[in-house]
Amino acid sequence: MTLKIIWSEFAETQLDEIYEYYEKKASSNVAKKLVKGIINEPIKLLNTPKIGQKEELLQQRKINYRYLIYKNYKLIYSIDTEKGFIKIADVFDTRQNPIKIERTE
């Protein structure tokens, strides 16, 4: 079965915020390049979905979360083989306090 990648609404909001931040602080080109890199990073999961490490800070949740790292960002994802998708749940800036990753979304 071929898996597809989907993005949660929360993760998409995080991408929008990252874009807006870098557009203001650097330039539109920098923001586009960074967000494009983040969006393309999960493509490698299509061949090897379990390549990411388990997210220790979210172990208490019902869903098993894993993550990939792209620059300063942690892409938190889960795998649903029954429904045939990999869901990117969050894009977390690793420069923040790690406890923030446990937020409710």
PDB file of N, CA and C in Angstrom:
ATOM      1  N   MET A   1       0.843  -1.195   0.000  1.00  0.00           N
ATOM      2  CA  MET A   1       0.000   0.000   0.000  1.00  0.00           C
ATOM      3  C   MET A   1       0.880   1.249   0.000  1.00  0.00           C
ATOM      4  N   THR A   2       0.550   2.162  -0.848  1.00  0.00           N
ATOM      5  CA  THR A   2       1.276   3.415  -0.929  1.00  0.00           C
ATOM      6  C   THR A   2       0.661   4.417   0.039  1.00  0.00           C
ATOM      7  N   LEU A   3       1.510   4.997   0.864  1.00  0.00           N
ATOM      8  CA  LEU A   3       1.052   6.010   1.813  1.00  0.00           C
ATOM      9  C   LEU A   3       1.103   7.379   1.147  1.00  0.00           C
ATOM     10  N   LYS A   4       0.246   8.281   1.602  1.00  0.00           N
ATOM     11  CA  LYS A   4       0.334   9.665   1.133  1.00  0.00           C
ATOM     12  C   LYS A   4       0.556  10.562   2.352  1.00  0.00           C
ATOM     13  N   ILE A   5       1.097  11.721   2.095  1.00  0.00           N
ATOM     14  CA  ILE A   5       1.391  12.672   3.170  1.00  0.00           C
ATOM     15  C   ILE A   5       0.277  13.700   3.233  1.00  0.00           C
ATOM     16  N   ILE A   6      -0.249  13.895   4.435  1.00  0.00           N
ATOM     17  CA  ILE A   6      -1.236  14.952   4.650  1.00  0.00           C
ATOM     18  C   ILE A   6      -0.728  15.847   5.786  1.00  0.00           C
ATOM     19  N   TRP A   7      -1.181  17.073   5.802  1.00  0.00           N
ATOM     20  CA  TRP A   7      -0.780  18.047   6.815  1.00  0.00           C
ATOM     21  C   TRP A   7      -1.997  18.420   7.643  1.00  0.00           C
ATOM     22  N   SER A   8      -1.818  18.447   8.956  1.00  0.00           N
ATOM     23  CA  SER A   8      -2.914  18.886   9.821  1.00  0.00           C
ATOM     24  C   SER A   8      -3.105  20.387   9.656  1.00  0.00           C
ATOM     25  N   GLU A   9      -4.274  20.848  10.009  1.00  0.00           N
ATOM     26  CA  GLU A   9      -4.551  22.277   9.952  1.00  0.00           C
ATOM     27  C   GLU A   9      -3.579  23.038  10.857  1.00  0.00           C
ATOM     28  N   PHE A  10      -3.276  22.437  12.013  1.00  0.00           N
ATOM     29  CA  PHE A  10      -2.345  23.069  12.954  1.00  0.00           C
ATOM     30  C   PHE A  10      -0.954  23.209  12.333  1.00  0.00           C
ATOM     31  N   ALA A  11      -0.463  22.158  11.674  1.00  0.00           N
ATOM     32  CA  ALA A  11       0.854  22.209  11.039  1.00  0.00           C
ATOM     33  C   ALA A  11       0.879  23.252   9.919  1.00  0.00           C
ATOM     34  N   GLU A  12      -0.214  23.335   9.171  1.00  0.00           N
ATOM     35  CA  GLU A  12      -0.295  24.349   8.106  1.00  0.00           C
ATOM     36  C   GLU A  12      -0.258  25.756   8.687  1.00  0.00           C
ATOM     37  N   THR A  13      -0.902  25.952   9.820  1.00  0.00           N
ATOM     38  CA  THR A  13      -0.861  27.249  10.499  1.00  0.00           C
ATOM     39  C   THR A  13       0.564  27.572  10.933  1.00  0.00           C
ATOM     40  N   GLN A  14       1.277  26.569  11.433  1.00  0.00           N
ATOM     41  CA  GLN A  14       2.672  26.769  11.845  1.00  0.00           C
ATOM     42  C   GLN A  14       3.517  27.184  10.637  1.00  0.00           C
ATOM     43  N   LEU A  15       3.292  26.546   9.496  1.00  0.00           N
ATOM     44  CA  LEU A  15       4.026  26.920   8.278  1.00  0.00           C
ATOM     45  C   LEU A  15       3.748  28.373   7.893  1.00  0.00           C
ATOM     46  N   ASP A  16       2.484  28.775   7.994  1.00  0.00           N
ATOM     47  CA  ASP A  16       2.122  30.164   7.689  1.00  0.00           C
ATOM     48  C   ASP A  16       2.857  31.127   8.616  1.00  0.00           C
ATOM     49  N   GLU A  17       2.914  30.791   9.899  1.00  0.00           N
ATOM     50  CA  GLU A  17       3.594  31.660  10.870  1.00  0.00           C
ATOM     51  C   GLU A  17       5.097  31.724  10.608  1.00  0.00           C
ATOM     52  N   ILE A  18       5.690  30.601  10.241  1.00  0.00           N
ATOM     53  CA  ILE A  18       7.121  30.575   9.918  1.00  0.00           C
ATOM     54  C   ILE A  18       7.379  31.466   8.698  1.00  0.00           C
ATOM     55  N   TYR A  19       6.532  31.330   7.682  1.00  0.00           N
ATOM     56  CA  TYR A  19       6.681  32.138   6.477  1.00  0.00           C
ATOM     57  C   TYR A  19       6.586  33.630   6.813  1.00  0.00           C
ATOM     58  N   GLU A  20       5.553  34.002   7.546  1.00  0.00           N
ATOM     59  CA  GLU A  20       5.343  35.413   7.887  1.00  0.00           C
ATOM     60  C   GLU A  20       6.517  35.970   8.690  1.00  0.00           C
ATOM     61  N   TYR A  21       7.027  35.178   9.626  1.00  0.00           N
ATOM     62  CA  TYR A  21       8.153  35.634  10.445  1.00  0.00           C
ATOM     63  C   TYR A  21       9.379  35.921   9.573  1.00  0.00           C
ATOM     64  N   TYR A  22       9.746  34.959   8.723  1.00  0.00           N
ATOM     65  CA  TYR A  22      10.947  35.139   7.907  1.00  0.00           C
ATOM     66  C   TYR A  22      10.753  36.149   6.788  1.00  0.00           C
ATOM     67  N   GLU A  23       9.533  36.330   6.344  1.00  0.00           N
ATOM     68  CA  GLU A  23       9.267  37.356   5.338  1.00  0.00           C
ATOM     69  C   GLU A  23       9.539  38.740   5.925  1.00  0.00           C
ATOM     70  N   LYS A  24       9.164  38.934   7.198  1.00  0.00           N
ATOM     71  CA  LYS A  24       9.388  40.227   7.863  1.00  0.00           C
ATOM     72  C   LYS A  24      10.848  40.401   8.290  1.00  0.00           C
ATOM     73  N   LYS A  25      11.438  39.345   8.848  1.00  0.00           N
ATOM     74  CA  LYS A  25      12.790  39.442   9.408  1.00  0.00           C
ATOM     75  C   LYS A  25      13.897  39.336   8.363  1.00  0.00           C
ATOM     76  N   ALA A  26      13.622  38.637   7.257  1.00  0.00           N
ATOM     77  CA  ALA A  26      14.652  38.462   6.223  1.00  0.00           C
ATOM     78  C   ALA A  26      14.110  38.945   4.882  1.00  0.00           C
ATOM     79  N   SER A  27      13.473  38.051   4.152  1.00  0.00           N
ATOM     80  CA  SER A  27      12.889  38.429   2.854  1.00  0.00           C
ATOM     81  C   SER A  27      11.887  37.362   2.429  1.00  0.00           C
ATOM     82  N   SER A  28      11.140  37.699   1.426  1.00  0.00           N
ATOM     83  CA  SER A  28      10.166  36.764   0.882  1.00  0.00           C
ATOM     84  C   SER A  28      10.872  35.531   0.301  1.00  0.00           C
ATOM     85  N   ASN A  29      12.028  35.728  -0.323  1.00  0.00           N
ATOM     86  CA  ASN A  29      12.780  34.606  -0.897  1.00  0.00           C
ATOM     87  C   ASN A  29      13.277  33.650   0.185  1.00  0.00           C
ATOM     88  N   VAL A  30      13.785  34.190   1.275  1.00  0.00           N
ATOM     89  CA  VAL A  30      14.248  33.364   2.391  1.00  0.00           C
ATOM     90  C   VAL A  30      13.073  32.577   2.964  1.00  0.00           C
ATOM     91  N   ALA A  31      11.946  33.245   3.157  1.00  0.00           N
ATOM     92  CA  ALA A  31      10.759  32.595   3.719  1.00  0.00           C
ATOM     93  C   ALA A  31      10.278  31.471   2.802  1.00  0.00           C
ATOM     94  N   LYS A  32      10.220  31.734   1.500  1.00  0.00           N
ATOM     95  CA  LYS A  32       9.770  30.715   0.543  1.00  0.00           C
ATOM     96  C   LYS A  32      10.692  29.506   0.541  1.00  0.00           C
ATOM     97  N   LYS A  33      11.995  29.762   0.535  1.00  0.00           N
ATOM     98  CA  LYS A  33      12.970  28.673   0.495  1.00  0.00           C
ATOM     99  C   LYS A  33      12.876  27.793   1.744  1.00  0.00           C
ATOM    100  N   LEU A  34      12.743  28.419   2.905  1.00  0.00           N
ATOM    101  CA  LEU A  34      12.645  27.667   4.154  1.00  0.00           C
ATOM    102  C   LEU A  34      11.370  26.828   4.199  1.00  0.00           C
ATOM    103  N   VAL A  35      10.245  27.443   3.898  1.00  0.00           N
ATOM    104  CA  VAL A  35       8.966  26.725   3.946  1.00  0.00           C
ATOM    105  C   VAL A  35       8.936  25.610   2.896  1.00  0.00           C
ATOM    106  N   LYS A  36       9.473  25.856   1.720  1.00  0.00           N
ATOM    107  CA  LYS A  36       9.529  24.819   0.692  1.00  0.00           C
ATOM    108  C   LYS A  36      10.370  23.635   1.170  1.00  0.00           C
ATOM    109  N   GLY A  37      11.479  23.918   1.831  1.00  0.00           N
ATOM    110  CA  GLY A  37      12.329  22.851   2.378  1.00  0.00           C
ATOM    111  C   GLY A  37      11.601  22.032   3.430  1.00  0.00           C
ATOM    112  N   ILE A  38      10.857  22.716   4.298  1.00  0.00           N
ATOM    113  CA  ILE A  38      10.083  22.020   5.332  1.00  0.00           C
ATOM    114  C   ILE A  38       9.026  21.130   4.674  1.00  0.00           C
ATOM    115  N   ILE A  39       8.332  21.654   3.677  1.00  0.00           N
ATOM    116  CA  ILE A  39       7.271  20.901   3.000  1.00  0.00           C
ATOM    117  C   ILE A  39       7.834  19.681   2.261  1.00  0.00           C
ATOM    118  N   ASN A  40       9.020  19.805   1.697  1.00  0.00           N
ATOM    119  CA  ASN A  40       9.617  18.704   0.940  1.00  0.00           C
ATOM    120  C   ASN A  40      10.278  17.641   1.821  1.00  0.00           C
ATOM    121  N   GLU A  41      10.638  17.979   3.031  1.00  0.00           N
ATOM    122  CA  GLU A  41      11.344  17.044   3.914  1.00  0.00           C
ATOM    123  C   GLU A  41      10.587  15.722   4.125  1.00  0.00           C
ATOM    124  N   PRO A  42       9.288  15.737   4.357  1.00  0.00           N
ATOM    125  CA  PRO A  42       8.582  14.472   4.606  1.00  0.00           C
ATOM    126  C   PRO A  42       8.470  13.533   3.403  1.00  0.00           C
ATOM    127  N   ILE A  43       8.851  13.964   2.226  1.00  0.00           N
ATOM    128  CA  ILE A  43       8.768  13.097   1.046  1.00  0.00           C
ATOM    129  C   ILE A  43       9.558  11.811   1.270  1.00  0.00           C
ATOM    130  N   LYS A  44      10.659  11.901   1.999  1.00  0.00           N
ATOM    131  CA  LYS A  44      11.471  10.705   2.256  1.00  0.00           C
ATOM    132  C   LYS A  44      10.712   9.659   3.069  1.00  0.00           C
ATOM    133  N   LEU A  45       9.639  10.075   3.749  1.00  0.00           N
ATOM    134  CA  LEU A  45       8.846   9.137   4.548  1.00  0.00           C
ATOM    135  C   LEU A  45       8.031   8.180   3.674  1.00  0.00           C
ATOM    136  N   LEU A  46       7.800   8.538   2.438  1.00  0.00           N
ATOM    137  CA  LEU A  46       7.009   7.689   1.552  1.00  0.00           C
ATOM    138  C   LEU A  46       7.665   6.326   1.342  1.00  0.00           C
ATOM    139  N   ASN A  47       8.988   6.286   1.308  1.00  0.00           N
ATOM    140  CA  ASN A  47       9.722   5.023   1.143  1.00  0.00           C
ATOM    141  C   ASN A  47      10.025   4.347   2.477  1.00  0.00           C
ATOM    142  N   THR A  48      10.299   5.148   3.488  1.00  0.00           N
ATOM    143  CA  THR A  48      10.653   4.604   4.807  1.00  0.00           C
ATOM    144  C   THR A  48       9.946   5.411   5.895  1.00  0.00           C
ATOM    145  N   PRO A  49       8.665   5.122   6.139  1.00  0.00           N
ATOM    146  CA  PRO A  49       7.888   5.948   7.071  1.00  0.00           C
ATOM    147  C   PRO A  49       8.392   5.943   8.515  1.00  0.00           C
ATOM    148  N   LYS A  50       9.083   4.901   8.919  1.00  0.00           N
ATOM    149  CA  LYS A  50       9.546   4.822  10.310  1.00  0.00           C
ATOM    150  C   LYS A  50      10.976   5.318  10.483  1.00  0.00           C
ATOM    151  N   ILE A  51      11.452   6.086   9.519  1.00  0.00           N
ATOM    152  CA  ILE A  51      12.819   6.604   9.583  1.00  0.00           C
ATOM    153  C   ILE A  51      13.001   7.596  10.744  1.00  0.00           C
ATOM    154  N   GLY A  52      11.941   8.297  11.089  1.00  0.00           N
ATOM    155  CA  GLY A  52      12.020   9.284  12.169  1.00  0.00           C
ATOM    156  C   GLY A  52      12.043   8.630  13.541  1.00  0.00           C
ATOM    157  N   GLN A  53      12.696   9.285  14.464  1.00  0.00           N
ATOM    158  CA  GLN A  53      12.746   8.780  15.839  1.00  0.00           C
ATOM    159  C   GLN A  53      11.408   8.998  16.528  1.00  0.00           C
ATOM    160  N   LYS A  54      11.133   8.194  17.549  1.00  0.00           N
ATOM    161  CA  LYS A  54       9.913   8.379  18.340  1.00  0.00           C
ATOM    162  C   LYS A  54      10.050   9.652  19.155  1.00  0.00           C
ATOM    163  N   GLU A  55       8.962  10.403  19.249  1.00  0.00           N
ATOM    164  CA  GLU A  55       8.966  11.651  20.020  1.00  0.00           C
ATOM    165  C   GLU A  55       8.697  11.311  21.484  1.00  0.00           C
ATOM    166  N   GLU A  56       9.742  11.357  22.285  1.00  0.00           N
ATOM    167  CA  GLU A  56       9.670  10.983  23.702  1.00  0.00           C
ATOM    168  C   GLU A  56       8.698  11.863  24.492  1.00  0.00           C
ATOM    169  N   LEU A  57       8.629  13.139  24.161  1.00  0.00           N
ATOM    170  CA  LEU A  57       7.780  14.049  24.923  1.00  0.00           C
ATOM    171  C   LEU A  57       6.291  13.838  24.673  1.00  0.00           C
ATOM    172  N   LEU A  58       5.944  13.038  23.666  1.00  0.00           N
ATOM    173  CA  LEU A  58       4.536  12.780  23.362  1.00  0.00           C
ATOM    174  C   LEU A  58       4.168  11.304  23.536  1.00  0.00           C
ATOM    175  N   GLN A  59       4.970  10.561  24.269  1.00  0.00           N
ATOM    176  CA  GLN A  59       4.734   9.133  24.455  1.00  0.00           C
ATOM    177  C   GLN A  59       3.436   8.818  25.192  1.00  0.00           C
ATOM    178  N   GLN A  60       2.954   9.729  26.024  1.00  0.00           N
ATOM    179  CA  GLN A  60       1.751   9.474  26.809  1.00  0.00           C
ATOM    180  C   GLN A  60       0.482   9.551  25.970  1.00  0.00           C
ATOM    181  N   ARG A  61       0.575  10.000  24.741  1.00  0.00           N
ATOM    182  CA  ARG A  61      -0.598  10.129  23.869  1.00  0.00           C
ATOM    183  C   ARG A  61      -0.961   8.795  23.233  1.00  0.00           C
ATOM    184  N   LYS A  62      -2.208   8.674  22.814  1.00  0.00           N
ATOM    185  CA  LYS A  62      -2.691   7.437  22.179  1.00  0.00           C
ATOM    186  C   LYS A  62      -2.011   7.194  20.838  1.00  0.00           C
ATOM    187  N   ILE A  63      -1.773   8.254  20.104  1.00  0.00           N
ATOM    188  CA  ILE A  63      -1.127   8.155  18.787  1.00  0.00           C
ATOM    189  C   ILE A  63       0.386   8.135  18.988  1.00  0.00           C
ATOM    190  N   ASN A  64       1.067   7.273  18.237  1.00  0.00           N
ATOM    191  CA  ASN A  64       2.522   7.221  18.287  1.00  0.00           C
ATOM    192  C   ASN A  64       3.091   8.272  17.338  1.00  0.00           C
ATOM    193  N   TYR A  65       3.841   9.206  17.902  1.00  0.00           N
ATOM    194  CA  TYR A  65       4.417  10.270  17.090  1.00  0.00           C
ATOM    195  C   TYR A  65       5.908  10.036  16.876  1.00  0.00           C
ATOM    196  N   ARG A  66       6.347  10.384  15.708  1.00  0.00           N
ATOM    197  CA  ARG A  66       7.763  10.357  15.341  1.00  0.00           C
ATOM    198  C   ARG A  66       8.119  11.747  14.822  1.00  0.00           C
ATOM    199  N   TYR A  67       9.397  11.960  14.545  1.00  0.00           N
ATOM    200  CA  TYR A  67       9.772  13.268  14.023  1.00  0.00           C
ATOM    201  C   TYR A  67      10.956  13.198  13.068  1.00  0.00           C
ATOM    202  N   LEU A  68      11.001  14.187  12.211  1.00  0.00           N
ATOM    203  CA  LEU A  68      12.137  14.468  11.334  1.00  0.00           C
ATOM    204  C   LEU A  68      12.647  15.848  11.702  1.00  0.00           C
ATOM    205  N   ILE A  69      13.905  16.094  11.437  1.00  0.00           N
ATOM    206  CA  ILE A  69      14.486  17.414  11.680  1.00  0.00           C
ATOM    207  C   ILE A  69      14.834  18.056  10.337  1.00  0.00           C
ATOM    208  N   TYR A  70      14.425  19.308  10.189  1.00  0.00           N
ATOM    209  CA  TYR A  70      14.845  20.110   9.040  1.00  0.00           C
ATOM    210  C   TYR A  70      15.295  21.454   9.591  1.00  0.00           C
ATOM    211  N   LYS A  71      16.582  21.721   9.473  1.00  0.00           N
ATOM    212  CA  LYS A  71      17.201  22.933  10.033  1.00  0.00           C
ATOM    213  C   LYS A  71      16.843  23.031  11.515  1.00  0.00           C
ATOM    214  N   ASN A  72      16.130  24.093  11.940  1.00  0.00           N
ATOM    215  CA  ASN A  72      15.763  24.241  13.359  1.00  0.00           C
ATOM    216  C   ASN A  72      14.361  23.731  13.661  1.00  0.00           C
ATOM    217  N   TYR A  73      13.779  22.982  12.755  1.00  0.00           N
ATOM    218  CA  TYR A  73      12.380  22.575  12.907  1.00  0.00           C
ATOM    219  C   TYR A  73      12.228  21.071  13.024  1.00  0.00           C
ATOM    220  N   LYS A  74      11.366  20.691  13.922  1.00  0.00           N
ATOM    221  CA  LYS A  74      11.024  19.299  14.142  1.00  0.00           C
ATOM    222  C   LYS A  74       9.653  19.077  13.515  1.00  0.00           C
ATOM    223  N   LEU A  75       9.584  18.171  12.568  1.00  0.00           N
ATOM    224  CA  LEU A  75       8.316  17.835  11.919  1.00  0.00           C
ATOM    225  C   LEU A  75       7.751  16.602  12.609  1.00  0.00           C
ATOM    226  N   ILE A  76       6.720  16.814  13.408  1.00  0.00           N
ATOM    227  CA  ILE A  76       6.103  15.745  14.185  1.00  0.00           C
ATOM    228  C   ILE A  76       5.060  15.064  13.297  1.00  0.00           C
ATOM    229  N   TYR A  77       5.127  13.739  13.214  1.00  0.00           N
ATOM    230  CA  TYR A  77       4.187  13.030  12.353  1.00  0.00           C
ATOM    231  C   TYR A  77       3.738  11.710  12.961  1.00  0.00           C
ATOM    232  N   SER A  78       2.644  11.200  12.421  1.00  0.00           N
ATOM    233  CA  SER A  78       2.152   9.879  12.798  1.00  0.00           C
ATOM    234  C   SER A  78       1.867   9.102  11.517  1.00  0.00           C
ATOM    235  N   ILE A  79       1.833   7.788  11.653  1.00  0.00           N
ATOM    236  CA  ILE A  79       1.599   6.916  10.511  1.00  0.00           C
ATOM    237  C   ILE A  79       0.291   6.170  10.748  1.00  0.00           C
ATOM    238  N   ASP A  80      -0.606   6.234   9.782  1.00  0.00           N
ATOM    239  CA  ASP A  80      -1.862   5.484   9.848  1.00  0.00           C
ATOM    240  C   ASP A  80      -1.912   4.567   8.632  1.00  0.00           C
ATOM    241  N   THR A  81      -1.420   3.327   8.798  1.00  0.00           N
ATOM    242  CA  THR A  81      -1.367   2.407   7.668  1.00  0.00           C
ATOM    243  C   THR A  81      -2.751   1.947   7.241  1.00  0.00           C
ATOM    244  N   GLU A  82      -3.691   1.888   8.180  1.00  0.00           N
ATOM    245  CA  GLU A  82      -5.058   1.473   7.834  1.00  0.00           C
ATOM    246  C   GLU A  82      -5.710   2.456   6.861  1.00  0.00           C
ATOM    247  N   LYS A  83      -5.535   3.761   7.124  1.00  0.00           N
ATOM    248  CA  LYS A  83      -6.133   4.782   6.261  1.00  0.00           C
ATOM    249  C   LYS A  83      -5.203   5.197   5.127  1.00  0.00           C
ATOM    250  N   GLY A  84      -3.946   4.746   5.192  1.00  0.00           N
ATOM    251  CA  GLY A  84      -3.015   4.984   4.091  1.00  0.00           C
ATOM    252  C   GLY A  84      -2.361   6.346   4.056  1.00  0.00           C
ATOM    253  N   PHE A  85      -2.113   6.944   5.239  1.00  0.00           N
ATOM    254  CA  PHE A  85      -1.445   8.243   5.205  1.00  0.00           C
ATOM    255  C   PHE A  85      -0.451   8.438   6.341  1.00  0.00           C
ATOM    256  N   ILE A  86       0.423   9.399   6.102  1.00  0.00           N
ATOM    257  CA  ILE A  86       1.350   9.914   7.104  1.00  0.00           C
ATOM    258  C   ILE A  86       0.882  11.331   7.372  1.00  0.00           C
ATOM    259  N   LYS A  87       0.575  11.626   8.616  1.00  0.00           N
ATOM    260  CA  LYS A  87       0.038  12.944   8.946  1.00  0.00           C
ATOM    261  C   LYS A  87       1.091  13.780   9.663  1.00  0.00           C
ATOM    262  N   ILE A  88       1.409  14.922   9.061  1.00  0.00           N
ATOM    263  CA  ILE A  88       2.305  15.873   9.707  1.00  0.00           C
ATOM    264  C   ILE A  88       1.438  16.665  10.680  1.00  0.00           C
ATOM    265  N   ALA A  89       1.665  16.445  11.966  1.00  0.00           N
ATOM    266  CA  ALA A  89       0.811  17.027  12.999  1.00  0.00           C
ATOM    267  C   ALA A  89       1.288  18.398  13.460  1.00  0.00           C
ATOM    268  N   ASP A  90       2.606  18.631  13.406  1.00  0.00           N
ATOM    269  CA  ASP A  90       3.146  19.874  13.948  1.00  0.00           C
ATOM    270  C   ASP A  90       4.496  20.166  13.308  1.00  0.00           C
ATOM    271  N   VAL A  91       4.828  21.431  13.223  1.00  0.00           N
ATOM    272  CA  VAL A  91       6.160  21.884  12.840  1.00  0.00           C
ATOM    273  C   VAL A  91       6.631  22.712  14.020  1.00  0.00           C
ATOM    274  N   PHE A  92       7.583  22.166  14.774  1.00  0.00           N
ATOM    275  CA  PHE A  92       7.993  22.744  16.042  1.00  0.00           C
ATOM    276  C   PHE A  92       9.399  23.324  15.941  1.00  0.00           C
ATOM    277  N   ASP A  93       9.548  24.578  16.317  1.00  0.00           N
ATOM    278  CA  ASP A  93      10.857  25.232  16.326  1.00  0.00           C
ATOM    279  C   ASP A  93      11.644  24.702  17.526  1.00  0.00           C
ATOM    280  N   THR A  94      12.746  24.017  17.273  1.00  0.00           N
ATOM    281  CA  THR A  94      13.514  23.379  18.344  1.00  0.00           C
ATOM    282  C   THR A  94      14.242  24.378  19.237  1.00  0.00           C
ATOM    283  N   ARG A  95      14.210  25.649  18.887  1.00  0.00           N
ATOM    284  CA  ARG A  95      14.842  26.658  19.739  1.00  0.00           C
ATOM    285  C   ARG A  95      13.920  27.069  20.882  1.00  0.00           C
ATOM    286  N   GLN A  96      12.691  26.567  20.886  1.00  0.00           N
ATOM    287  CA  GLN A  96      11.747  26.849  21.969  1.00  0.00           C
ATOM    288  C   GLN A  96      11.987  25.883  23.127  1.00  0.00           C
ATOM    289  N   ASN A  97      11.350  26.173  24.238  1.00  0.00           N
ATOM    290  CA  ASN A  97      11.388  25.275  25.379  1.00  0.00           C
ATOM    291  C   ASN A  97      10.751  23.947  24.962  1.00  0.00           C
ATOM    292  N   PRO A  98      11.448  22.818  25.121  1.00  0.00           N
ATOM    293  CA  PRO A  98      10.915  21.530  24.670  1.00  0.00           C
ATOM    294  C   PRO A  98       9.555  21.169  25.269  1.00  0.00           C
ATOM    295  N   ILE A  99       9.248  21.656  26.444  1.00  0.00           N
ATOM    296  CA  ILE A  99       7.973  21.345  27.084  1.00  0.00           C
ATOM    297  C   ILE A  99       6.807  21.883  26.251  1.00  0.00           C
ATOM    298  N   LYS A 100       7.017  22.935  25.487  1.00  0.00           N
ATOM    299  CA  LYS A 100       5.964  23.495  24.642  1.00  0.00           C
ATOM    300  C   LYS A 100       5.444  22.512  23.607  1.00  0.00           C
ATOM    301  N   ILE A 101       6.219  21.483  23.309  1.00  0.00           N
ATOM    302  CA  ILE A 101       5.800  20.506  22.309  1.00  0.00           C
ATOM    303  C   ILE A 101       4.565  19.735  22.772  1.00  0.00           C
ATOM    304  N   GLU A 102       4.313  19.723  24.056  1.00  0.00           N
ATOM    305  CA  GLU A 102       3.186  18.988  24.622  1.00  0.00           C
ATOM    306  C   GLU A 102       1.878  19.751  24.518  1.00  0.00           C
ATOM    307  N   ARG A 103       1.878  20.875  23.798  1.00  0.00           N
ATOM    308  CA  ARG A 103       0.657  21.668  23.661  1.00  0.00           C
ATOM    309  C   ARG A 103      -0.495  20.789  23.174  1.00  0.00           C
ATOM    310  N   THR A 104      -1.693  21.259  23.358  1.00  0.00           N
ATOM    311  CA  THR A 104      -2.865  20.426  23.105  1.00  0.00           C
ATOM    312  C   THR A 104      -3.112  20.124  21.655  1.00  0.00           C
ATOM    313  N   GLU A 105      -2.651  20.946  20.735  1.00  0.00           N
ATOM    314  CA  GLU A 105      -2.887  20.688  19.296  1.00  0.00           C
ATOM    315  C   GLU A 105      -1.926  19.646  18.793  1.00  0.00           C
TER     316      GLU A 105
END
